[in-house]
Amino acid sequence: MSEPANTIVMSALVGRTVRDHRGRALGRIVELVAEVQLHRSGNDYVVTRIVIGRYGSLDLSGIGQLVPCAGDRWRHWAGYRRYEIPWDQFDLRDPEHPRVQRGVGDV
């Protein structure tokens, strides 16, 4: 069964490197934030924001959740950056190479 044209498999996005409109790497997708829309025929999960981390593997490993204090200190020391970007700011025509439609300084 094929997916509708405006549907993207979320697991295919997590971990992908995101680039800005000039091709500079911002980080990796670490989280998708969605809202639930209730309908009589069922529920839809609509992504509203995508979270990008400069060191995506740190978030994906769960270190920040297992050791919150040490994780926060390490992130600060390592220069970890986290960006929450509205869904509509992304160019996902090629889901394997996601892009943000603005520059690094504008995120």
PDB file of N, CA and C in Angstrom:
ATOM      1  N   MET A   1       0.847  -1.177   0.000  1.00  0.00           N
ATOM      2  CA  MET A   1       0.000   0.000   0.000  1.00  0.00           C
ATOM      3  C   MET A   1       0.892   1.240   0.000  1.00  0.00           C
ATOM      4  N   SER A   2       0.700   2.146  -0.921  1.00  0.00           N
ATOM      5  CA  SER A   2       1.547   3.329  -1.017  1.00  0.00           C
ATOM      6  C   SER A   2       1.020   4.451  -0.125  1.00  0.00           C
ATOM      7  N   GLU A   3       1.939   5.336   0.286  1.00  0.00           N
ATOM      8  CA  GLU A   3       1.604   6.475   1.132  1.00  0.00           C
ATOM      9  C   GLU A   3       1.051   7.613   0.272  1.00  0.00           C
ATOM     10  N   PRO A   4       0.138   8.437   0.818  1.00  0.00           N
ATOM     11  CA  PRO A   4      -0.308   9.624   0.077  1.00  0.00           C
ATOM     12  C   PRO A   4       0.883  10.544  -0.210  1.00  0.00           C
ATOM     13  N   ALA A   5       0.748  11.392  -1.216  1.00  0.00           N
ATOM     14  CA  ALA A   5       1.859  12.244  -1.665  1.00  0.00           C
ATOM     15  C   ALA A   5       2.384  13.174  -0.577  1.00  0.00           C
ATOM     16  N   ASN A   6       1.546  13.607   0.365  1.00  0.00           N
ATOM     17  CA  ASN A   6       1.995  14.541   1.388  1.00  0.00           C
ATOM     18  C   ASN A   6       2.355  13.848   2.695  1.00  0.00           C
ATOM     19  N   THR A   7       2.592  12.543   2.667  1.00  0.00           N
ATOM     20  CA  THR A   7       2.946  11.774   3.849  1.00  0.00           C
ATOM     21  C   THR A   7       4.413  11.368   3.787  1.00  0.00           C
ATOM     22  N   ILE A   8       5.100  11.559   4.911  1.00  0.00           N
ATOM     23  CA  ILE A   8       6.504  11.152   5.024  1.00  0.00           C
ATOM     24  C   ILE A   8       6.615  10.251   6.245  1.00  0.00           C
ATOM     25  N   VAL A   9       7.313   9.151   6.130  1.00  0.00           N
ATOM     26  CA  VAL A   9       7.523   8.255   7.256  1.00  0.00           C
ATOM     27  C   VAL A   9       8.468   8.947   8.244  1.00  0.00           C
ATOM     28  N   MET A  10       7.992   9.160   9.479  1.00  0.00           N
ATOM     29  CA  MET A  10       8.765   9.930  10.451  1.00  0.00           C
ATOM     30  C   MET A  10      10.093   9.274  10.789  1.00  0.00           C
ATOM     31  N   SER A  11      10.116   7.962  10.897  1.00  0.00           N
ATOM     32  CA  SER A  11      11.365   7.295  11.251  1.00  0.00           C
ATOM     33  C   SER A  11      12.440   7.503  10.187  1.00  0.00           C
ATOM     34  N   ALA A  12      12.029   7.821   8.967  1.00  0.00           N
ATOM     35  CA  ALA A  12      12.998   8.080   7.899  1.00  0.00           C
ATOM     36  C   ALA A  12      13.662   9.447   8.063  1.00  0.00           C
ATOM     37  N   LEU A  13      13.059  10.344   8.844  1.00  0.00           N
ATOM     38  CA  LEU A  13      13.623  11.683   9.040  1.00  0.00           C
ATOM     39  C   LEU A  13      14.579  11.768  10.225  1.00  0.00           C
ATOM     40  N   VAL A  14      14.270  11.048  11.307  1.00  0.00           N
ATOM     41  CA  VAL A  14      15.081  11.145  12.517  1.00  0.00           C
ATOM     42  C   VAL A  14      16.506  10.683  12.226  1.00  0.00           C
ATOM     43  N   GLY A  15      17.451  11.522  12.602  1.00  0.00           N
ATOM     44  CA  GLY A  15      18.865  11.224  12.372  1.00  0.00           C
ATOM     45  C   GLY A  15      19.429  11.837  11.098  1.00  0.00           C
ATOM     46  N   ARG A  16      18.578  12.340  10.230  1.00  0.00           N
ATOM     47  CA  ARG A  16      19.034  12.949   8.973  1.00  0.00           C
ATOM     48  C   ARG A  16      19.709  14.289   9.239  1.00  0.00           C
ATOM     49  N   THR A  17      20.760  14.567   8.491  1.00  0.00           N
ATOM     50  CA  THR A  17      21.426  15.863   8.561  1.00  0.00           C
ATOM     51  C   THR A  17      20.562  16.899   7.853  1.00  0.00           C
ATOM     52  N   VAL A  18      20.381  18.053   8.495  1.00  0.00           N
ATOM     53  CA  VAL A  18      19.587  19.145   7.931  1.00  0.00           C
ATOM     54  C   VAL A  18      20.543  20.243   7.487  1.00  0.00           C
ATOM     55  N   ARG A  19      20.297  20.786   6.315  1.00  0.00           N
ATOM     56  CA  ARG A  19      21.107  21.871   5.776  1.00  0.00           C
ATOM     57  C   ARG A  19      20.257  23.112   5.613  1.00  0.00           C
ATOM     58  N   ASP A  20      20.919  24.274   5.652  1.00  0.00           N
ATOM     59  CA  ASP A  20      20.178  25.522   5.434  1.00  0.00           C
ATOM     60  C   ASP A  20      20.065  25.785   3.939  1.00  0.00           C
ATOM     61  N   HIS A  21      19.507  26.922   3.572  1.00  0.00           N
ATOM     62  CA  HIS A  21      19.270  27.229   2.157  1.00  0.00           C
ATOM     63  C   HIS A  21      20.557  27.418   1.362  1.00  0.00           C
ATOM     64  N   ARG A  22      21.680  27.583   2.047  1.00  0.00           N
ATOM     65  CA  ARG A  22      22.976  27.706   1.360  1.00  0.00           C
ATOM     66  C   ARG A  22      23.784  26.416   1.368  1.00  0.00           C
ATOM     67  N   GLY A  23      23.219  25.369   1.963  1.00  0.00           N
ATOM     68  CA  GLY A  23      23.905  24.086   1.980  1.00  0.00           C
ATOM     69  C   GLY A  23      24.741  23.821   3.212  1.00  0.00           C
ATOM     70  N   ARG A  24      24.747  24.730   4.189  1.00  0.00           N
ATOM     71  CA  ARG A  24      25.517  24.529   5.422  1.00  0.00           C
ATOM     72  C   ARG A  24      24.749  23.618   6.380  1.00  0.00           C
ATOM     73  N   ALA A  25      25.460  22.685   7.007  1.00  0.00           N
ATOM     74  CA  ALA A  25      24.834  21.741   7.935  1.00  0.00           C
ATOM     75  C   ALA A  25      24.442  22.449   9.230  1.00  0.00           C
ATOM     76  N   LEU A  26      23.184  22.228   9.666  1.00  0.00           N
ATOM     77  CA  LEU A  26      22.687  22.768  10.932  1.00  0.00           C
ATOM     78  C   LEU A  26      22.805  21.749  12.055  1.00  0.00           C
ATOM     79  N   GLY A  27      22.664  20.487  11.750  1.00  0.00           N
ATOM     80  CA  GLY A  27      22.655  19.423  12.741  1.00  0.00           C
ATOM     81  C   GLY A  27      21.813  18.281  12.229  1.00  0.00           C
ATOM     82  N   ARG A  28      21.382  17.432  13.156  1.00  0.00           N
ATOM     83  CA  ARG A  28      20.564  16.274  12.791  1.00  0.00           C
ATOM     84  C   ARG A  28      19.184  16.381  13.423  1.00  0.00           C
ATOM     85  N   ILE A  29      18.201  15.813  12.752  1.00  0.00           N
ATOM     86  CA  ILE A  29      16.849  15.775  13.306  1.00  0.00           C
ATOM     87  C   ILE A  29      16.849  14.805  14.484  1.00  0.00           C
ATOM     88  N   VAL A  30      16.443  15.316  15.665  1.00  0.00           N
ATOM     89  CA  VAL A  30      16.431  14.485  16.861  1.00  0.00           C
ATOM     90  C   VAL A  30      15.022  14.244  17.382  1.00  0.00           C
ATOM     91  N   GLU A  31      14.063  15.051  16.916  1.00  0.00           N
ATOM     92  CA  GLU A  31      12.711  14.919  17.452  1.00  0.00           C
ATOM     93  C   GLU A  31      11.712  15.563  16.502  1.00  0.00           C
ATOM     94  N   LEU A  32      10.519  14.993  16.441  1.00  0.00           N
ATOM     95  CA  LEU A  32       9.400  15.573  15.701  1.00  0.00           C
ATOM     96  C   LEU A  32       8.292  15.850  16.711  1.00  0.00           C
ATOM     97  N   VAL A  33       7.778  17.067  16.726  1.00  0.00           N
ATOM     98  CA  VAL A  33       6.716  17.453  17.653  1.00  0.00           C
ATOM     99  C   VAL A  33       5.413  17.497  16.867  1.00  0.00           C
ATOM    100  N   ALA A  34       4.407  16.751  17.339  1.00  0.00           N
ATOM    101  CA  ALA A  34       3.143  16.641  16.605  1.00  0.00           C
ATOM    102  C   ALA A  34       1.958  16.992  17.497  1.00  0.00           C
ATOM    103  N   GLU A  35       0.884  17.396  16.836  1.00  0.00           N
ATOM    104  CA  GLU A  35      -0.405  17.609  17.496  1.00  0.00           C
ATOM    105  C   GLU A  35      -1.355  16.533  17.003  1.00  0.00           C
ATOM    106  N   VAL A  36      -2.258  16.120  17.882  1.00  0.00           N
ATOM    107  CA  VAL A  36      -3.248  15.119  17.506  1.00  0.00           C
ATOM    108  C   VAL A  36      -4.513  15.848  17.088  1.00  0.00           C
ATOM    109  N   GLN A  37      -5.003  15.539  15.897  1.00  0.00           N
ATOM    110  CA  GLN A  37      -6.265  16.090  15.420  1.00  0.00           C
ATOM    111  C   GLN A  37      -7.289  14.969  15.437  1.00  0.00           C
ATOM    112  N   LEU A  38      -8.340  15.159  16.242  1.00  0.00           N
ATOM    113  CA  LEU A  38      -9.368  14.139  16.398  1.00  0.00           C
ATOM    114  C   LEU A  38     -10.458  14.324  15.342  1.00  0.00           C
ATOM    115  N   HIS A  39     -10.862  13.221  14.741  1.00  0.00           N
ATOM    116  CA  HIS A  39     -11.922  13.205  13.738  1.00  0.00           C
ATOM    117  C   HIS A  39     -12.872  12.063  14.072  1.00  0.00           C
ATOM    118  N   ARG A  40     -14.064  12.114  13.525  1.00  0.00           N
ATOM    119  CA  ARG A  40     -15.011  11.019  13.735  1.00  0.00           C
ATOM    120  C   ARG A  40     -14.476   9.700  13.186  1.00  0.00           C
ATOM    121  N   SER A  41     -13.707   9.793  12.104  1.00  0.00           N
ATOM    122  CA  SER A  41     -13.204   8.584  11.462  1.00  0.00           C
ATOM    123  C   SER A  41     -11.863   8.122  12.022  1.00  0.00           C
ATOM    124  N   GLY A  42     -11.294   8.872  12.984  1.00  0.00           N
ATOM    125  CA  GLY A  42     -10.002   8.486  13.549  1.00  0.00           C
ATOM    126  C   GLY A  42      -9.184   9.693  13.953  1.00  0.00           C
ATOM    127  N   ASN A  43      -7.904   9.484  14.163  1.00  0.00           N
ATOM    128  CA  ASN A  43      -7.003  10.547  14.585  1.00  0.00           C
ATOM    129  C   ASN A  43      -5.910  10.768  13.549  1.00  0.00           C
ATOM    130  N   ASP A  44      -5.476  12.011  13.433  1.00  0.00           N
ATOM    131  CA  ASP A  44      -4.322  12.343  12.601  1.00  0.00           C
ATOM    132  C   ASP A  44      -3.258  12.959  13.496  1.00  0.00           C
ATOM    133  N   TYR A  45      -2.014  12.618  13.257  1.00  0.00           N
ATOM    134  CA  TYR A  45      -0.895  13.222  13.952  1.00  0.00           C
ATOM    135  C   TYR A  45      -0.222  14.165  12.959  1.00  0.00           C
ATOM    136  N   VAL A  46      -0.249  15.452  13.271  1.00  0.00           N
ATOM    137  CA  VAL A  46       0.270  16.464  12.363  1.00  0.00           C
ATOM    138  C   VAL A  46       1.515  17.078  12.980  1.00  0.00           C
ATOM    139  N   VAL A  47       2.653  16.931  12.306  1.00  0.00           N
ATOM    140  CA  VAL A  47       3.912  17.480  12.808  1.00  0.00           C
ATOM    141  C   VAL A  47       3.859  18.999  12.714  1.00  0.00           C
ATOM    142  N   THR A  48       4.179  19.668  13.831  1.00  0.00           N
ATOM    143  CA  THR A  48       4.167  21.131  13.872  1.00  0.00           C
ATOM    144  C   THR A  48       5.571  21.714  13.932  1.00  0.00           C
ATOM    145  N   ARG A  49       6.516  20.983  14.549  1.00  0.00           N
ATOM    146  CA  ARG A  49       7.899  21.455  14.674  1.00  0.00           C
ATOM    147  C   ARG A  49       8.859  20.278  14.538  1.00  0.00           C
ATOM    148  N   ILE A  50      10.043  20.597  14.070  1.00  0.00           N
ATOM    149  CA  ILE A  50      11.115  19.612  13.995  1.00  0.00           C
ATOM    150  C   ILE A  50      12.254  20.143  14.846  1.00  0.00           C
ATOM    151  N   VAL A  51      12.803  19.274  15.715  1.00  0.00           N
ATOM    152  CA  VAL A  51      13.904  19.664  16.592  1.00  0.00           C
ATOM    153  C   VAL A  51      15.200  19.153  15.984  1.00  0.00           C
ATOM    154  N   ILE A  52      16.157  20.078  15.872  1.00  0.00           N
ATOM    155  CA  ILE A  52      17.473  19.755  15.323  1.00  0.00           C
ATOM    156  C   ILE A  52      18.498  19.942  16.422  1.00  0.00           C
ATOM    157  N   GLY A  53      19.396  18.985  16.560  1.00  0.00           N
ATOM    158  CA  GLY A  53      20.502  19.087  17.512  1.00  0.00           C
ATOM    159  C   GLY A  53      21.812  19.086  16.758  1.00  0.00           C
ATOM    160  N   ARG A  54      22.723  19.961  17.173  1.00  0.00           N
ATOM    161  CA  ARG A  54      24.019  20.004  16.486  1.00  0.00           C
ATOM    162  C   ARG A  54      24.762  18.688  16.660  1.00  0.00           C
ATOM    163  N   TYR A  55      24.630  18.048  17.820  1.00  0.00           N
ATOM    164  CA  TYR A  55      25.212  16.727  18.046  1.00  0.00           C
ATOM    165  C   TYR A  55      24.065  15.749  18.194  1.00  0.00           C
ATOM    166  N   GLY A  56      23.425  15.411  17.092  1.00  0.00           N
ATOM    167  CA  GLY A  56      22.243  14.569  17.109  1.00  0.00           C
ATOM    168  C   GLY A  56      22.424  13.237  17.802  1.00  0.00           C
ATOM    169  N   SER A  57      23.601  12.640  17.697  1.00  0.00           N
ATOM    170  CA  SER A  57      23.813  11.331  18.314  1.00  0.00           C
ATOM    171  C   SER A  57      23.743  11.424  19.832  1.00  0.00           C
ATOM    172  N   LEU A  58      24.030  12.583  20.410  1.00  0.00           N
ATOM    173  CA  LEU A  58      23.941  12.742  21.860  1.00  0.00           C
ATOM    174  C   LEU A  58      22.490  12.612  22.300  1.00  0.00           C
ATOM    175  N   ASP A  59      21.563  13.271  21.621  1.00  0.00           N
ATOM    176  CA  ASP A  59      20.148  13.157  21.957  1.00  0.00           C
ATOM    177  C   ASP A  59      19.627  11.756  21.662  1.00  0.00           C
ATOM    178  N   LEU A  60      20.000  11.199  20.526  1.00  0.00           N
ATOM    179  CA  LEU A  60      19.501   9.890  20.147  1.00  0.00           C
ATOM    180  C   LEU A  60      19.957   8.800  21.118  1.00  0.00           C
ATOM    181  N   SER A  61      21.120   8.991  21.753  1.00  0.00           N
ATOM    182  CA  SER A  61      21.624   7.990  22.687  1.00  0.00           C
ATOM    183  C   SER A  61      20.891   8.029  24.014  1.00  0.00           C
ATOM    184  N   GLY A  62      20.199   9.147  24.315  1.00  0.00           N
ATOM    185  CA  GLY A  62      19.448   9.252  25.559  1.00  0.00           C
ATOM    186  C   GLY A  62      20.281   9.665  26.745  1.00  0.00           C
ATOM    187  N   ILE A  63      21.517  10.064  26.528  1.00  0.00           N
ATOM    188  CA  ILE A  63      22.389  10.451  27.639  1.00  0.00           C
ATOM    189  C   ILE A  63      21.750  11.556  28.471  1.00  0.00           C
ATOM    190  N   GLY A  64      21.145  12.529  27.827  1.00  0.00           N
ATOM    191  CA  GLY A  64      20.529  13.641  28.543  1.00  0.00           C
ATOM    192  C   GLY A  64      19.399  13.202  29.448  1.00  0.00           C
ATOM    193  N   GLN A  65      18.701  12.125  29.108  1.00  0.00           N
ATOM    194  CA  GLN A  65      17.613  11.626  29.947  1.00  0.00           C
ATOM    195  C   GLN A  65      18.134  10.740  31.064  1.00  0.00           C
ATOM    196  N   LEU A  66      19.197   9.986  30.831  1.00  0.00           N
ATOM    197  CA  LEU A  66      19.711   9.075  31.846  1.00  0.00           C
ATOM    198  C   LEU A  66      20.455   9.812  32.953  1.00  0.00           C
ATOM    199  N   VAL A  67      21.228  10.808  32.579  1.00  0.00           N
ATOM    200  CA  VAL A  67      22.000  11.573  33.551  1.00  0.00           C
ATOM    201  C   VAL A  67      21.770  13.057  33.268  1.00  0.00           C
ATOM    202  N   PRO A  68      20.628  13.606  33.705  1.00  0.00           N
ATOM    203  CA  PRO A  68      20.259  14.975  33.329  1.00  0.00           C
ATOM    204  C   PRO A  68      21.317  16.014  33.683  1.00  0.00           C
ATOM    205  N   CYS A  69      21.828  16.005  34.883  1.00  0.00           N
ATOM    206  CA  CYS A  69      22.782  17.039  35.303  1.00  0.00           C
ATOM    207  C   CYS A  69      24.081  16.921  34.514  1.00  0.00           C
ATOM    208  N   ALA A  70      24.641  15.731  34.488  1.00  0.00           N
ATOM    209  CA  ALA A  70      25.893  15.539  33.751  1.00  0.00           C
ATOM    210  C   ALA A  70      25.685  15.768  32.265  1.00  0.00           C
ATOM    211  N   GLY A  71      24.526  15.335  31.738  1.00  0.00           N
ATOM    212  CA  GLY A  71      24.235  15.530  30.318  1.00  0.00           C
ATOM    213  C   GLY A  71      24.176  17.000  29.963  1.00  0.00           C
ATOM    214  N   ASP A  72      23.493  17.810  30.785  1.00  0.00           N
ATOM    215  CA  ASP A  72      23.402  19.245  30.533  1.00  0.00           C
ATOM    216  C   ASP A  72      24.764  19.909  30.604  1.00  0.00           C
ATOM    217  N   ARG A  73      25.550  19.521  31.589  1.00  0.00           N
ATOM    218  CA  ARG A  73      26.903  20.101  31.713  1.00  0.00           C
ATOM    219  C   ARG A  73      27.745  19.746  30.499  1.00  0.00           C
ATOM    220  N   TRP A  74      27.701  18.481  30.066  1.00  0.00           N
ATOM    221  CA  TRP A  74      28.485  18.051  28.916  1.00  0.00           C
ATOM    222  C   TRP A  74      28.029  18.775  27.662  1.00  0.00           C
ATOM    223  N   ARG A  75      26.702  18.907  27.490  1.00  0.00           N
ATOM    224  CA  ARG A  75      26.181  19.606  26.320  1.00  0.00           C
ATOM    225  C   ARG A  75      26.674  21.046  26.282  1.00  0.00           C
ATOM    226  N   HIS A  76      26.632  21.696  27.431  1.00  0.00           N
ATOM    227  CA  HIS A  76      27.103  23.090  27.485  1.00  0.00           C
ATOM    228  C   HIS A  76      28.590  23.155  27.162  1.00  0.00           C
ATOM    229  N   TRP A  77      29.364  22.281  27.767  1.00  0.00           N
ATOM    230  CA  TRP A  77      30.809  22.276  27.541  1.00  0.00           C
ATOM    231  C   TRP A  77      31.139  21.966  26.078  1.00  0.00           C
ATOM    232  N   ALA A  78      30.382  21.061  25.482  1.00  0.00           N
ATOM    233  CA  ALA A  78      30.661  20.634  24.108  1.00  0.00           C
ATOM    234  C   ALA A  78      30.079  21.580  23.063  1.00  0.00           C
ATOM    235  N   GLY A  79      29.325  22.589  23.494  1.00  0.00           N
ATOM    236  CA  GLY A  79      28.739  23.521  22.540  1.00  0.00           C
ATOM    237  C   GLY A  79      27.509  22.978  21.846  1.00  0.00           C
ATOM    238  N   TYR A  80      26.785  22.095  22.517  1.00  0.00           N
ATOM    239  CA  TYR A  80      25.577  21.504  21.944  1.00  0.00           C
ATOM    240  C   TYR A  80      24.542  22.588  21.662  1.00  0.00           C
ATOM    241  N   ARG A  81      23.933  22.528  20.505  1.00  0.00           N
ATOM    242  CA  ARG A  81      22.882  23.473  20.120  1.00  0.00           C
ATOM    243  C   ARG A  81      21.631  22.697  19.755  1.00  0.00           C
ATOM    244  N   ARG A  82      20.497  23.244  20.127  1.00  0.00           N
ATOM    245  CA  ARG A  82      19.203  22.616  19.840  1.00  0.00           C
ATOM    246  C   ARG A  82      18.298  23.689  19.253  1.00  0.00           C
ATOM    247  N   TYR A  83      17.683  23.382  18.119  1.00  0.00           N
ATOM    248  CA  TYR A  83      16.798  24.329  17.434  1.00  0.00           C
ATOM    249  C   TYR A  83      15.439  23.687  17.233  1.00  0.00           C
ATOM    250  N   GLU A  84      14.373  24.424  17.531  1.00  0.00           N
ATOM    251  CA  GLU A  84      13.012  23.984  17.207  1.00  0.00           C
ATOM    252  C   GLU A  84      12.539  24.843  16.047  1.00  0.00           C
ATOM    253  N   ILE A  85      12.259  24.207  14.934  1.00  0.00           N
ATOM    254  CA  ILE A  85      11.923  24.932  13.716  1.00  0.00           C
ATOM    255  C   ILE A  85      10.525  24.520  13.256  1.00  0.00           C
ATOM    256  N   PRO A  86       9.664  25.490  12.940  1.00  0.00           N
ATOM    257  CA  PRO A  86       8.320  25.152  12.452  1.00  0.00           C
ATOM    258  C   PRO A  86       8.379  24.279  11.197  1.00  0.00           C
ATOM    259  N   TRP A  87       7.456  23.355  11.132  1.00  0.00           N
ATOM    260  CA  TRP A  87       7.372  22.406  10.028  1.00  0.00           C
ATOM    261  C   TRP A  87       7.362  23.099   8.670  1.00  0.00           C
ATOM    262  N   ASP A  88       6.638  24.218   8.569  1.00  0.00           N
ATOM    263  CA  ASP A  88       6.494  24.880   7.271  1.00  0.00           C
ATOM    264  C   ASP A  88       7.767  25.575   6.796  1.00  0.00           C
ATOM    265  N   GLN A  89       8.821  25.603   7.614  1.00  0.00           N
ATOM    266  CA  GLN A  89      10.105  26.177   7.207  1.00  0.00           C
ATOM    267  C   GLN A  89      11.017  25.149   6.536  1.00  0.00           C
ATOM    268  N   PHE A  90      10.545  23.907   6.425  1.00  0.00           N
ATOM    269  CA  PHE A  90      11.354  22.840   5.851  1.00  0.00           C
ATOM    270  C   PHE A  90      11.003  22.578   4.395  1.00  0.00           C
ATOM    271  N   ASP A  91      12.021  22.228   3.639  1.00  0.00           N
ATOM    272  CA  ASP A  91      11.850  21.739   2.276  1.00  0.00           C
ATOM    273  C   ASP A  91      12.097  20.233   2.356  1.00  0.00           C
ATOM    274  N   LEU A  92      11.026  19.460   2.278  1.00  0.00           N
ATOM    275  CA  LEU A  92      11.127  18.008   2.402  1.00  0.00           C
ATOM    276  C   LEU A  92      10.761  17.301   1.097  1.00  0.00           C
ATOM    277  N   ARG A  93      10.953  17.987  -0.011  1.00  0.00           N
ATOM    278  CA  ARG A  93      10.690  17.338  -1.301  1.00  0.00           C
ATOM    279  C   ARG A  93      11.596  16.127  -1.474  1.00  0.00           C
ATOM    280  N   ASP A  94      12.799  16.183  -0.892  1.00  0.00           N
ATOM    281  CA  ASP A  94      13.717  15.046  -0.861  1.00  0.00           C
ATOM    282  C   ASP A  94      13.948  14.709   0.612  1.00  0.00           C
ATOM    283  N   PRO A  95      13.129  13.818   1.207  1.00  0.00           N
ATOM    284  CA  PRO A  95      13.223  13.535   2.636  1.00  0.00           C
ATOM    285  C   PRO A  95      14.578  13.008   3.103  1.00  0.00           C
ATOM    286  N   GLU A  96      15.359  12.458   2.183  1.00  0.00           N
ATOM    287  CA  GLU A  96      16.686  11.974   2.566  1.00  0.00           C
ATOM    288  C   GLU A  96      17.682  13.117   2.725  1.00  0.00           C
ATOM    289  N   HIS A  97      17.340  14.306   2.220  1.00  0.00           N
ATOM    290  CA  HIS A  97      18.207  15.484   2.306  1.00  0.00           C
ATOM    291  C   HIS A  97      17.377  16.701   2.713  1.00  0.00           C
ATOM    292  N   PRO A  98      16.885  16.719   3.970  1.00  0.00           N
ATOM    293  CA  PRO A  98      16.024  17.834   4.392  1.00  0.00           C
ATOM    294  C   PRO A  98      16.774  19.155   4.435  1.00  0.00           C
ATOM    295  N   ARG A  99      16.057  20.239   4.110  1.00  0.00           N
ATOM    296  CA  ARG A  99      16.625  21.583   4.108  1.00  0.00           C
ATOM    297  C   ARG A  99      15.703  22.525   4.854  1.00  0.00           C
ATOM    298  N   VAL A 100      16.306  23.519   5.487  1.00  0.00           N
ATOM    299  CA  VAL A 100      15.553  24.598   6.107  1.00  0.00           C
ATOM    300  C   VAL A 100      15.598  25.765   5.136  1.00  0.00           C
ATOM    301  N   GLN A 101      14.501  26.470   5.000  1.00  0.00           N
ATOM    302  CA  GLN A 101      14.401  27.539   4.011  1.00  0.00           C
ATOM    303  C   GLN A 101      14.971  28.868   4.485  1.00  0.00           C
ATOM    304  N   ARG A 102      15.799  28.845   5.518  1.00  0.00           N
ATOM    305  CA  ARG A 102      16.446  30.071   5.994  1.00  0.00           C
ATOM    306  C   ARG A 102      17.862  29.732   6.443  1.00  0.00           C
ATOM    307  N   GLY A 103      18.620  30.756   6.794  1.00  0.00           N
ATOM    308  CA  GLY A 103      20.028  30.560   7.139  1.00  0.00           C
ATOM    309  C   GLY A 103      20.268  30.153   8.576  1.00  0.00           C
ATOM    310  N   VAL A 104      21.499  29.752   8.865  1.00  0.00           N
ATOM    311  CA  VAL A 104      21.898  29.334  10.192  1.00  0.00           C
ATOM    312  C   VAL A 104      21.621  30.415  11.220  1.00  0.00           C
ATOM    313  N   GLY A 105      21.947  31.657  10.928  1.00  0.00           N
ATOM    314  CA  GLY A 105      21.756  32.749  11.861  1.00  0.00           C
ATOM    315  C   GLY A 105      20.292  33.089  12.126  1.00  0.00           C
ATOM    316  N   ASP A 106      19.396  32.662  11.240  1.00  0.00           N
ATOM    317  CA  ASP A 106      17.974  32.952  11.378  1.00  0.00           C
ATOM    318  C   ASP A 106      17.214  31.882  12.148  1.00  0.00           C
ATOM    319  N   VAL A 107      17.892  30.793  12.451  1.00  0.00           N
ATOM    320  CA  VAL A 107      17.248  29.688  13.167  1.00  0.00           C
ATOM    321  C   VAL A 107      17.312  30.019  14.599  1.00  0.00           C
TER     322      VAL A 107
END
